């Protein structure tokens, strides 16, 4: 026995060791943690669509100011996500996740007690910067605890929690905002909508506390030449998953792990001159040179358009539906109703101001959430037989038709179906486009390409939310026409992209 052990190599590849340990509690709990952190990241933005309605008595907001409220957190995400990604390559994924999550939670908790609109927006912007650490570090951290065979499936299930958030947010809002109560501290009035801010941070708080128990990614430690620490983490995984020492699992008393090639892993250390922004620019420059530049630029334009046409409208959906539900005449089109000015009276005392949110607002948003869950569930079954490009054409074509019909349909049920398709179909296209980007650039540029494209997408959300806030009421038909034309532009871009029709 000892002779056979001595003949075995003492240097093991990390993923080989991980496969011998097997999939277990470490991976399952990390998947749950990633889901909780994803829910907190997305829920805060989704809930803002309801909060801007419920808080209009406190802040006396105009439509344009509501747009700014919805965009501030996304603006923080845009500015920080790429930077957080590079920092996580330097100091560690877990450290970035823990610090960013708890900082974001603390800032969001403080928002509960802010009574000035612009201070609220500023703190929300800082919370966006903090929570930008989650999408930047979460997927590398989760993926590096899984072998390649499980990695893609695990990350796919993690992203499914976005749809769970789209269901939880309106359900929680319906429960909390159905009660009309206030707690007064001098001039400060605590209303139910402030409690929503606390509810939205709880998944992240729980996920962050669980993450404190987990170690740093062994793959990251190996890329930093911290081999002994990586071996200790692998030993921890073995004991947690199997209840056995790693030596017993590997059937070897002494072993070491093969070092990771640091090239491409420690991007912040590649250049000795310039600050972090300079290094980020240098690392992304190959994406804008031949042979990748044209396809990459087209992908960015398409992703910007999809976020602009889907996510921006979805954020405003609660406000739009609430106004539609307040109209007693079922023979009016969407724009005929939305063109009527509605808002909190500017000269009414806070204690006399009331906001009504129709139950239809919550129900319709729940329907959209379940539609996303259903759409993502069946999307995978359609991609292989139909091809990605054909699915993109069909989805975008359906969205364009829905946008066109919204100008004319008066039936409330028909309007809901059209709005659902108008938001859902471009939203489903986003994940397909991100997959296409991965295929269109080489391996060493993929993470940077996806990160850059997601930032461009969030810029689309900022542009969309502010555009709706300013233009929807005075120029409703023109606003929806611009969204529809943007989706037509996405169809044209998809036509020219060399997206493979099979996966």
Protein backbone atom coordinates (compact mmCIF):
# COMPACT_ATOMS: atom_id res chain seq x y z
CA UNK A 1 0.00 0.00 0.00
CA UNK A 2 2.72 2.46 1.01
CA UNK A 3 4.66 1.62 -2.13
CA UNK A 4 1.72 2.51 -4.35
CA UNK A 5 1.22 5.76 -2.46
CA UNK A 6 4.85 6.75 -2.99
CA UNK A 7 4.47 6.30 -6.74
CA UNK A 8 1.67 8.83 -6.90
CA UNK A 9 2.51 12.45 -7.74
CA UNK A 10 2.71 14.79 -4.81
CA UNK A 11 1.50 17.81 -6.80
CA UNK A 12 -2.23 17.86 -7.47
CA UNK A 13 -4.30 20.14 -9.63
CA UNK A 14 -6.86 22.04 -7.50
CA UNK A 15 -9.83 21.00 -9.62
CA UNK A 16 -8.76 17.36 -9.48
CA UNK A 17 -8.74 17.56 -5.68
CA UNK A 18 -12.13 19.31 -5.72
CA UNK A 19 -13.60 16.57 -7.92
CA UNK A 20 -12.34 13.88 -5.53
CA UNK A 21 -13.96 15.71 -2.61
CA UNK A 22 -17.22 15.90 -4.57
CA UNK A 23 -20.20 18.25 -4.65
CA UNK A 24 -21.54 18.78 -1.15
CA UNK A 25 -22.59 21.17 1.58
CA UNK A 26 -19.95 23.76 0.65
CA UNK A 27 -21.33 24.18 -2.86
CA UNK A 28 -25.01 24.02 -1.86
CA UNK A 29 -24.66 26.62 0.87
CA UNK A 30 -22.58 28.90 -1.37
CA UNK A 31 -25.30 28.65 -4.03
CA UNK A 32 -27.87 29.71 -1.44
CA UNK A 33 -25.62 32.56 -0.27
CA UNK A 34 -25.13 33.73 -3.84
CA UNK A 35 -28.90 33.70 -4.26
CA UNK A 36 -29.42 35.79 -1.12
CA UNK A 37 -26.81 38.33 -2.23
CA UNK A 38 -28.33 38.45 -5.72
CA UNK A 39 -31.80 39.07 -4.27
CA UNK A 40 -30.53 41.98 -2.17
CA UNK A 41 -28.68 43.49 -5.14
CA UNK A 42 -31.70 43.31 -7.44
CA UNK A 43 -34.50 43.86 -4.92
CA UNK A 44 -33.28 47.30 -3.86
CA UNK A 45 -33.55 48.52 -7.46
CA UNK A 46 -36.84 46.76 -8.20
CA UNK A 47 -38.43 48.02 -4.99
CA UNK A 48 -37.54 51.59 -5.87
CA UNK A 49 -40.33 51.53 -8.46
CA UNK A 50 -42.83 51.07 -5.63
CA UNK A 51 -41.01 53.25 -3.10
CA UNK A 52 -41.12 56.32 -5.38
CA UNK A 53 -44.93 56.06 -5.30
CA UNK A 54 -45.22 55.43 -1.56
CA UNK A 55 -42.70 58.16 -0.63
CA UNK A 56 -44.09 61.00 -2.75
CA UNK A 57 -45.85 62.54 0.28
CA UNK A 58 -42.57 62.58 2.22
CA UNK A 59 -40.45 63.98 -0.61
CA UNK A 60 -43.10 65.79 -2.74
CA UNK A 61 -41.46 64.36 -5.83
CA UNK A 62 -42.14 65.30 -9.42
CA UNK A 63 -42.01 62.74 -12.23
CA UNK A 64 -38.47 63.84 -13.11
CA UNK A 65 -37.35 63.50 -9.48
CA UNK A 66 -38.82 60.00 -9.36
CA UNK A 67 -36.65 59.12 -12.35
CA UNK A 68 -33.56 60.36 -10.53
CA UNK A 69 -34.50 58.33 -7.42
CA UNK A 70 -34.74 55.18 -9.52
CA UNK A 71 -31.45 55.82 -11.32
CA UNK A 72 -29.09 56.74 -8.46
CA UNK A 73 -28.40 53.21 -7.23
CA UNK A 74 -27.86 51.95 -10.77
CA UNK A 75 -25.44 54.84 -11.39
CA UNK A 76 -23.37 53.65 -8.42
CA UNK A 77 -23.35 50.13 -9.85
CA UNK A 78 -22.18 51.40 -13.25
CA UNK A 79 -19.29 53.36 -11.79
CA UNK A 80 -18.09 50.66 -9.43
CA UNK A 81 -18.64 47.18 -10.88
CA UNK A 82 -15.60 47.12 -13.19
CA UNK A 83 -13.36 48.60 -10.49
CA UNK A 84 -14.60 46.11 -7.89
CA UNK A 85 -13.80 43.29 -10.32
CA UNK A 86 -10.18 44.35 -10.55
CA UNK A 87 -9.93 44.91 -6.79
CA UNK A 88 -11.29 41.40 -6.17
CA UNK A 89 -8.49 40.05 -8.37
CA UNK A 90 -6.02 41.81 -6.08
CA UNK A 91 -7.27 41.45 -2.48
CA UNK A 92 -9.64 38.50 -2.78
CA UNK A 93 -13.22 37.66 -3.72
CA UNK A 94 -14.50 36.93 -0.22
CA UNK A 95 -13.07 40.11 1.28
CA UNK A 96 -14.69 42.26 -1.41
CA UNK A 97 -18.03 40.45 -1.01
CA UNK A 98 -18.10 40.79 2.78
CA UNK A 99 -17.01 44.45 2.92
CA UNK A 100 -19.24 45.49 0.04
CA UNK A 101 -22.32 43.66 1.32
CA UNK A 102 -22.11 44.99 4.87
CA UNK A 103 -21.31 48.53 3.69
CA UNK A 104 -24.31 48.44 1.37
CA UNK A 105 -26.54 47.11 4.16
CA UNK A 106 -25.42 49.85 6.54
CA UNK A 107 -26.08 52.56 3.95
CA UNK A 108 -29.48 51.14 3.06
CA UNK A 109 -30.40 50.93 6.76
CA UNK A 110 -29.54 54.61 7.14
CA UNK A 111 -31.88 55.43 4.24
CA UNK A 112 -34.81 54.46 6.47
CA UNK A 113 -34.28 57.64 8.49
CA UNK A 114 -33.48 60.17 5.73
CA UNK A 115 -36.11 62.86 5.16
CA UNK A 116 -34.31 64.96 2.52
CA UNK A 117 -34.71 63.81 -1.09
CA UNK A 118 -31.22 64.68 -2.32
CA UNK A 119 -29.51 63.21 0.73
CA UNK A 120 -31.58 60.07 0.10
CA UNK A 121 -30.34 59.98 -3.49
CA UNK A 122 -26.71 60.53 -2.46
CA UNK A 123 -26.74 57.73 0.14
CA UNK A 124 -28.53 55.45 -2.33
CA UNK A 125 -25.79 56.24 -4.86
CA UNK A 126 -23.12 55.25 -2.30
CA UNK A 127 -25.08 52.06 -1.57
CA UNK A 128 -24.99 51.32 -5.32
CA UNK A 129 -21.21 51.73 -5.33
CA UNK A 130 -20.91 49.35 -2.36
CA UNK A 131 -23.26 46.70 -3.73
CA UNK A 132 -21.38 46.80 -7.06
CA UNK A 133 -18.92 44.48 -5.33
CA UNK A 134 -21.47 41.66 -5.38
CA UNK A 135 -21.84 41.06 -9.14
CA UNK A 136 -18.12 41.76 -9.60
CA UNK A 137 -16.86 39.14 -7.12
CA UNK A 138 -19.77 36.77 -6.56
CA UNK A 139 -19.61 34.70 -9.75
CA UNK A 140 -15.82 34.19 -9.69
CA UNK A 141 -16.07 33.21 -6.00
CA UNK A 142 -18.97 30.81 -6.58
CA UNK A 143 -17.43 29.36 -9.74
CA UNK A 144 -14.03 28.71 -8.15
CA UNK A 145 -15.60 26.41 -5.53
CA UNK A 146 -17.02 24.25 -8.35
CA UNK A 147 -15.37 21.99 -10.90
CA UNK A 148 -15.79 23.05 -14.56
CA UNK A 149 -18.53 20.47 -15.14
CA UNK A 150 -20.74 22.05 -12.45
CA UNK A 151 -19.67 25.67 -12.83
CA UNK A 152 -21.96 26.84 -15.63
CA UNK A 153 -25.04 25.12 -14.17
CA UNK A 154 -24.38 26.52 -10.70
CA UNK A 155 -23.98 30.09 -11.95
CA UNK A 156 -27.12 29.68 -14.08
CA UNK A 157 -29.13 28.67 -10.99
CA UNK A 158 -27.63 31.61 -9.11
CA UNK A 159 -28.90 34.06 -11.74
CA UNK A 160 -32.39 32.51 -11.45
CA UNK A 161 -32.70 34.30 -8.09
CA UNK A 162 -33.20 37.53 -10.07
CA UNK A 163 -36.64 36.23 -11.03
CA UNK A 164 -37.28 35.19 -7.41
CA UNK A 165 -36.59 38.79 -6.42
CA UNK A 166 -39.11 40.01 -9.02
CA UNK A 167 -41.75 37.95 -7.18
CA UNK A 168 -40.68 38.68 -3.59
CA UNK A 169 -40.52 42.48 -3.97
CA UNK A 170 -44.17 43.11 -4.99
CA UNK A 171 -45.39 40.44 -2.57
CA UNK A 172 -43.54 42.04 0.36
CA UNK A 173 -44.65 45.52 -0.72
CA UNK A 174 -48.27 44.38 -0.88
CA UNK A 175 -48.04 42.98 2.64
CA UNK A 176 -46.28 46.00 4.16
CA UNK A 177 -47.93 48.89 2.32
CA UNK A 178 -51.47 47.54 2.73
CA UNK A 179 -51.40 48.92 6.27
CA UNK A 180 -51.62 52.65 6.88
CA UNK A 181 -49.68 53.53 10.01
CA UNK A 182 -47.16 56.16 11.04
CA UNK A 183 -44.66 56.61 13.86
CA UNK A 184 -43.75 60.22 14.57
CA UNK A 185 -40.46 61.41 16.11
CA UNK A 186 -40.71 65.20 16.27
CA UNK A 187 -40.78 66.35 12.65
CA UNK A 188 -39.79 62.93 11.31
CA UNK A 189 -42.56 60.56 10.21
CA UNK A 190 -41.79 56.86 9.80
CA UNK A 191 -44.14 55.35 7.21
CA UNK A 192 -44.48 51.71 6.00
CA UNK A 193 -42.42 52.29 2.83
CA UNK A 194 -39.33 52.85 4.99
CA UNK A 195 -39.78 49.36 6.42
CA UNK A 196 -39.42 48.01 2.87
CA UNK A 197 -35.81 49.22 2.86
CA UNK A 198 -35.14 47.02 5.89
CA UNK A 199 -36.89 43.99 4.37
CA UNK A 200 -34.85 44.32 1.16
CA UNK A 201 -31.49 44.27 2.95
CA UNK A 202 -32.25 41.21 5.11
CA UNK A 203 -31.31 38.56 2.47
CA UNK A 204 -27.94 40.27 1.98
CA UNK A 205 -27.39 40.53 5.71
CA UNK A 206 -28.09 36.82 6.17
CA UNK A 207 -25.90 35.92 3.19
CA UNK A 208 -23.06 38.13 4.45
CA UNK A 209 -23.20 36.57 7.93
CA UNK A 210 -23.02 33.05 6.46
CA UNK A 211 -20.14 34.16 4.22
CA UNK A 212 -18.11 35.07 7.34
CA UNK A 213 -17.90 31.34 8.04
CA UNK A 214 -16.49 30.56 4.59
CA UNK A 215 -12.84 30.86 3.52
CA UNK A 216 -11.28 32.64 0.54
CA UNK A 217 -11.34 30.94 -2.86
CA UNK A 218 -8.48 28.41 -3.08
CA UNK A 219 -8.06 29.20 -6.77
CA UNK A 220 -7.50 32.87 -5.94
CA UNK A 221 -5.00 31.94 -3.20
CA UNK A 222 -3.07 29.76 -5.66
CA UNK A 223 -2.95 32.64 -8.15
CA UNK A 224 -1.39 34.71 -5.35
CA UNK A 225 1.24 32.02 -4.61
CA UNK A 226 -0.35 31.37 -1.18
CA UNK A 227 -0.26 27.60 -1.63
CA UNK A 228 -0.30 26.62 2.05
CA UNK A 229 -3.41 28.72 2.68
CA UNK A 230 -5.07 27.11 -0.36
CA UNK A 231 -4.28 23.63 1.04
CA UNK A 232 -5.86 24.64 4.37
CA UNK A 233 -9.02 25.78 2.55
CA UNK A 234 -9.17 22.51 0.57
CA UNK A 235 -8.85 20.65 3.88
CA UNK A 236 -11.75 22.73 5.25
CA UNK A 237 -13.91 21.85 2.21
CA UNK A 238 -13.12 18.16 2.65
CA UNK A 239 -14.08 18.14 6.32
CA UNK A 240 -17.24 20.20 5.67
CA UNK A 241 -18.40 18.08 2.72
CA UNK A 242 -17.33 14.59 3.75
CA UNK A 243 -16.36 14.85 7.41
CA UNK A 244 -12.95 13.41 6.48
CA UNK A 245 -9.44 14.89 6.42
CA UNK A 246 -8.20 15.74 2.93
CA UNK A 247 -5.32 13.25 3.32
CA UNK A 248 -7.83 10.44 3.73
CA UNK A 249 -9.86 11.60 0.71
CA UNK A 250 -6.75 11.86 -1.47
CA UNK A 251 -5.21 8.73 0.05
CA UNK A 252 -1.94 10.60 0.46
CA UNK A 253 -0.32 11.93 3.63
CA UNK A 254 1.62 14.80 2.14
CA UNK A 255 0.79 16.70 -1.03
CA UNK A 256 0.77 20.18 -2.48
CA UNK A 257 -1.38 21.99 -5.02
CA UNK A 258 -0.30 23.05 -8.46
CA UNK A 259 0.11 26.82 -8.67
CA UNK A 260 -2.22 28.80 -10.89
CA UNK A 261 -0.68 30.75 -13.75
CA UNK A 262 -0.93 34.33 -12.44
CA UNK A 263 -1.00 35.75 -15.97
CA UNK A 264 -4.42 37.33 -16.46
CA UNK A 265 -5.33 36.67 -12.84
CA UNK A 266 -3.51 39.51 -11.14
CA UNK A 267 -4.27 42.28 -13.55
CA UNK A 268 -3.63 45.02 -11.04
CA UNK A 269 -0.04 43.88 -10.67
CA UNK A 270 0.72 43.59 -14.37
CA UNK A 271 1.77 47.21 -14.67
CA UNK A 272 3.97 49.01 -12.21
CA UNK A 273 2.97 52.45 -13.45
CA UNK A 274 -0.36 54.22 -13.38
CA UNK A 275 -3.33 53.96 -11.08
CA UNK A 276 -6.13 51.43 -11.07
CA UNK A 277 -8.19 53.31 -13.67
CA UNK A 278 -5.22 53.42 -16.05
CA UNK A 279 -4.68 49.68 -15.65
CA UNK A 280 -8.38 48.98 -16.25
CA UNK A 281 -8.31 51.03 -19.45
CA UNK A 282 -5.18 49.21 -20.66
CA UNK A 283 -6.70 45.81 -19.91
CA UNK A 284 -9.87 46.63 -21.87
CA UNK A 285 -8.19 48.20 -24.89
CA UNK A 286 -7.84 44.91 -26.86
CA UNK A 287 -11.64 44.73 -27.01
CA UNK A 288 -11.66 47.90 -29.11
CA UNK A 289 -9.04 46.74 -31.60
CA UNK A 290 -9.33 44.32 -34.51
CA UNK A 291 -10.55 41.64 -34.82
CA UNK A 292 -12.94 42.09 -31.87
CA UNK A 293 -13.83 45.78 -32.05
CA UNK A 294 -16.81 45.73 -34.44
CA UNK A 295 -18.60 42.77 -32.85
CA UNK A 296 -17.89 44.03 -29.34
CA UNK A 297 -19.22 47.52 -30.07
CA UNK A 298 -22.35 46.07 -31.71
CA UNK A 299 -22.90 43.81 -28.68
CA UNK A 300 -22.61 46.79 -26.34
CA UNK A 301 -25.16 48.75 -28.37
CA UNK A 302 -27.54 45.78 -28.33
CA UNK A 303 -27.18 45.22 -24.57
CA UNK A 304 -27.66 48.95 -23.94
CA UNK A 305 -30.84 48.85 -26.03
CA UNK A 306 -32.21 45.73 -24.31
CA UNK A 307 -31.69 47.18 -20.83
CA UNK A 308 -33.08 50.53 -22.02
CA UNK A 309 -36.22 48.91 -23.40
CA UNK A 310 -36.83 46.24 -20.75
CA UNK A 311 -35.34 47.01 -17.35
CA UNK A 312 -36.03 50.75 -17.46
CA UNK A 313 -39.71 50.20 -18.25
CA UNK A 314 -39.91 47.46 -15.60
CA UNK A 315 -38.68 49.84 -12.88
CA UNK A 316 -41.44 52.30 -13.83
CA UNK A 317 -44.11 49.60 -14.15
CA UNK A 318 -45.53 50.00 -10.60
CA UNK A 319 -46.05 53.74 -11.12
CA UNK A 320 -47.55 53.23 -14.58
CA UNK A 321 -49.91 50.45 -13.44
CA UNK A 322 -50.96 52.45 -10.37
CA UNK A 323 -52.01 55.34 -12.59
CA UNK A 324 -53.80 53.03 -15.00
CA UNK A 325 -55.72 51.37 -12.15
CA UNK A 326 -56.90 54.78 -10.94
CA UNK A 327 -58.74 55.38 -14.20
CA UNK A 328 -62.37 54.32 -14.04
CA UNK A 329 -62.82 54.48 -17.79
CA UNK A 330 -61.83 51.21 -19.46
CA UNK A 331 -62.10 52.72 -22.93
CA UNK A 332 -58.90 54.77 -22.69
CA UNK A 333 -55.53 53.86 -24.15
CA UNK A 334 -52.40 53.79 -21.99
CA UNK A 335 -51.20 57.20 -23.12
CA UNK A 336 -54.60 58.84 -22.75
CA UNK A 337 -54.49 57.92 -19.05
CA UNK A 338 -50.80 58.62 -18.42
CA UNK A 339 -51.00 62.09 -19.99
CA UNK A 340 -53.15 63.29 -17.07
CA UNK A 341 -50.92 64.90 -14.40
CA UNK A 342 -50.88 62.97 -11.13
CA UNK A 343 -48.67 63.55 -8.11
CA UNK A 344 -48.41 64.53 -4.50
CA UNK A 345 -49.81 67.98 -3.80
CA UNK A 346 -46.95 70.38 -3.26
CA UNK A 347 -48.68 72.54 -0.65
CA UNK A 348 -50.31 69.87 1.53
CA UNK A 349 -49.00 69.14 5.02
CA UNK A 350 -47.29 65.78 5.41
CA UNK A 351 -49.85 64.47 7.91
CA UNK A 352 -52.70 65.32 5.51
CA UNK A 353 -51.06 63.80 2.43
CA UNK A 354 -52.12 60.30 1.40
CA UNK A 355 -50.91 57.94 -1.30
CA UNK A 356 -53.07 55.18 -2.72
CA UNK A 357 -51.43 52.16 -4.29
CA UNK A 358 -53.96 49.90 -5.96
CA UNK A 359 -53.84 46.16 -5.27
CA UNK A 360 -53.73 45.79 -9.06
CA UNK A 361 -50.27 47.39 -8.96
CA UNK A 362 -48.95 44.56 -6.82
CA UNK A 363 -50.83 41.83 -8.69
CA UNK A 364 -49.62 42.98 -12.11
CA UNK A 365 -46.01 43.19 -10.90
CA UNK A 366 -46.31 39.70 -9.43
CA UNK A 367 -47.58 38.48 -12.80
CA UNK A 368 -44.53 40.00 -14.50
CA UNK A 369 -42.26 38.30 -11.94
CA UNK A 370 -43.85 34.88 -12.52
CA UNK A 371 -43.69 35.51 -16.28
CA UNK A 372 -39.92 36.03 -16.01
CA UNK A 373 -39.58 32.85 -13.96
CA UNK A 374 -41.58 30.91 -16.56
CA UNK A 375 -39.70 32.54 -19.43
CA UNK A 376 -36.27 31.69 -18.04
CA UNK A 377 -37.44 28.15 -17.30
CA UNK A 378 -38.45 27.39 -20.90
CA UNK A 379 -35.77 29.48 -22.60
CA UNK A 380 -33.15 26.75 -22.33
CA UNK A 381 -35.41 24.25 -24.08
CA UNK A 382 -35.86 26.57 -27.08
CA UNK A 383 -32.27 27.62 -27.71
CA UNK A 384 -30.93 24.30 -28.99
CA UNK A 385 -33.73 23.37 -31.42
CA UNK A 386 -34.37 26.90 -32.69
CA UNK A 387 -30.92 28.48 -32.40
CA UNK A 388 -29.94 31.57 -30.44
CA UNK A 389 -30.23 34.01 -33.32
CA UNK A 390 -33.72 32.82 -34.24
CA UNK A 391 -34.86 33.05 -30.60
CA UNK A 392 -33.51 36.62 -30.46
CA UNK A 393 -35.37 37.55 -33.65
CA UNK A 394 -38.62 36.01 -32.41
CA UNK A 395 -38.42 37.61 -28.95
CA UNK A 396 -37.49 41.06 -30.22
CA UNK A 397 -40.13 40.84 -32.96
CA UNK A 398 -42.76 40.02 -30.34
CA UNK A 399 -41.61 42.93 -28.17
CA UNK A 400 -41.75 45.37 -31.11
CA UNK A 401 -45.29 44.22 -31.97
CA UNK A 402 -46.36 44.58 -28.32
CA UNK A 403 -44.96 48.12 -28.20
CA UNK A 404 -46.83 49.02 -31.37
CA UNK A 405 -50.14 47.65 -30.06
CA UNK A 406 -49.79 49.51 -26.74
CA UNK A 407 -50.66 52.71 -28.61
CA UNK A 408 -54.10 51.37 -29.53
CA UNK A 409 -55.30 48.66 -27.11
CA UNK A 410 -57.84 49.85 -24.51
CA UNK A 411 -58.79 46.61 -22.75
CA UNK A 412 -57.04 46.45 -19.30
CA UNK A 413 -56.22 42.74 -19.61
CA UNK A 414 -54.82 43.28 -23.07
CA UNK A 415 -52.69 46.17 -21.82
CA UNK A 416 -51.28 43.99 -19.02
CA UNK A 417 -50.40 41.20 -21.47
CA UNK A 418 -48.71 43.65 -23.83
CA UNK A 419 -46.74 45.31 -21.01
CA UNK A 420 -45.69 41.87 -19.77
CA UNK A 421 -44.40 40.89 -23.22
CA UNK A 422 -42.83 44.33 -23.76
CA UNK A 423 -40.72 43.87 -20.61
CA UNK A 424 -40.26 40.09 -20.62
CA UNK A 425 -39.11 39.38 -24.18
CA UNK A 426 -36.19 41.89 -24.33
CA UNK A 427 -35.28 40.88 -20.76
CA UNK A 428 -34.91 37.24 -21.84
CA UNK A 429 -32.71 38.37 -24.73
CA UNK A 430 -30.16 39.87 -22.33
CA UNK A 431 -28.86 36.50 -21.12
CA UNK A 432 -28.66 35.23 -24.73
CA UNK A 433 -26.64 38.30 -25.76
CA UNK A 434 -24.26 37.86 -22.83
CA UNK A 435 -23.73 34.27 -23.93
CA UNK A 436 -23.04 35.50 -27.46
CA UNK A 437 -20.42 37.95 -26.16
CA UNK A 438 -18.61 35.07 -24.47
CA UNK A 439 -18.43 33.28 -27.84
CA UNK A 440 -17.32 36.35 -29.80
CA UNK A 441 -14.19 37.21 -27.75
CA UNK A 442 -11.23 35.04 -26.69
CA UNK A 443 -11.04 33.45 -23.25
CA UNK A 444 -8.65 35.94 -21.66
CA UNK A 445 -10.98 38.84 -22.57
CA UNK A 446 -14.33 37.30 -21.69
CA UNK A 447 -14.75 38.46 -18.10
CA UNK A 448 -13.73 41.99 -19.03
CA UNK A 449 -16.09 41.98 -22.03
CA UNK A 450 -19.07 40.79 -19.98
CA UNK A 451 -18.34 43.26 -17.17
CA UNK A 452 -18.07 46.15 -19.65
CA UNK A 453 -21.29 45.15 -21.43
CA UNK A 454 -23.21 44.87 -18.15
CA UNK A 455 -22.06 48.37 -17.23
CA UNK A 456 -23.32 49.62 -20.60
CA UNK A 457 -26.62 47.88 -19.90
CA UNK A 458 -26.97 49.65 -16.58
CA UNK A 459 -26.28 52.93 -18.34
CA UNK A 460 -29.30 52.02 -20.45
CA UNK A 461 -31.37 51.66 -17.26
CA UNK A 462 -30.23 55.09 -16.06
CA UNK A 463 -31.09 56.67 -19.41
CA UNK A 464 -34.45 54.90 -19.56
CA UNK A 465 -35.64 55.72 -16.03
CA UNK A 466 -34.77 59.39 -16.40
CA UNK A 467 -36.23 59.57 -19.91
CA UNK A 468 -39.56 58.15 -18.71
CA UNK A 469 -39.61 60.50 -15.71
CA UNK A 470 -39.22 63.57 -17.92
CA UNK A 471 -41.01 62.59 -21.14
CA UNK A 472 -43.75 60.04 -20.36
CA UNK A 473 -46.46 62.41 -19.18
CA UNK A 474 -46.11 65.21 -21.79
CA UNK A 475 -45.03 62.97 -24.70
CA UNK A 476 -46.33 59.49 -23.90
CA UNK A 477 -46.79 58.16 -27.44
CA UNK A 478 -43.40 59.52 -28.50
CA UNK A 479 -41.76 57.92 -25.46
CA UNK A 480 -43.10 54.45 -26.23
CA UNK A 481 -42.28 54.92 -29.92
CA UNK A 482 -38.64 55.61 -29.02
CA UNK A 483 -38.49 52.46 -26.88
CA UNK A 484 -39.95 50.43 -29.74
CA UNK A 485 -37.54 51.96 -32.27
CA UNK A 486 -34.67 51.07 -29.92
CA UNK A 487 -35.79 47.43 -30.00
CA UNK A 488 -35.97 47.58 -33.81
CA UNK A 489 -32.37 48.80 -33.72
CA UNK A 490 -31.49 45.75 -31.61
CA UNK A 491 -33.05 43.49 -34.29
CA UNK A 492 -30.83 45.10 -36.94
CA UNK A 493 -27.73 44.68 -34.76
CA UNK A 494 -28.52 41.00 -34.09
CA UNK A 495 -28.86 40.46 -37.85
CA UNK A 496 -25.27 41.62 -38.44
CA UNK A 497 -23.72 39.82 -35.45
CA UNK A 498 -22.13 36.41 -36.20
CA UNK A 499 -24.12 34.64 -33.50
CA UNK A 500 -24.09 30.87 -33.93
CA UNK A 501 -27.50 29.29 -34.37
CA UNK A 502 -26.60 26.31 -32.24
CA UNK A 503 -25.16 26.04 -28.75
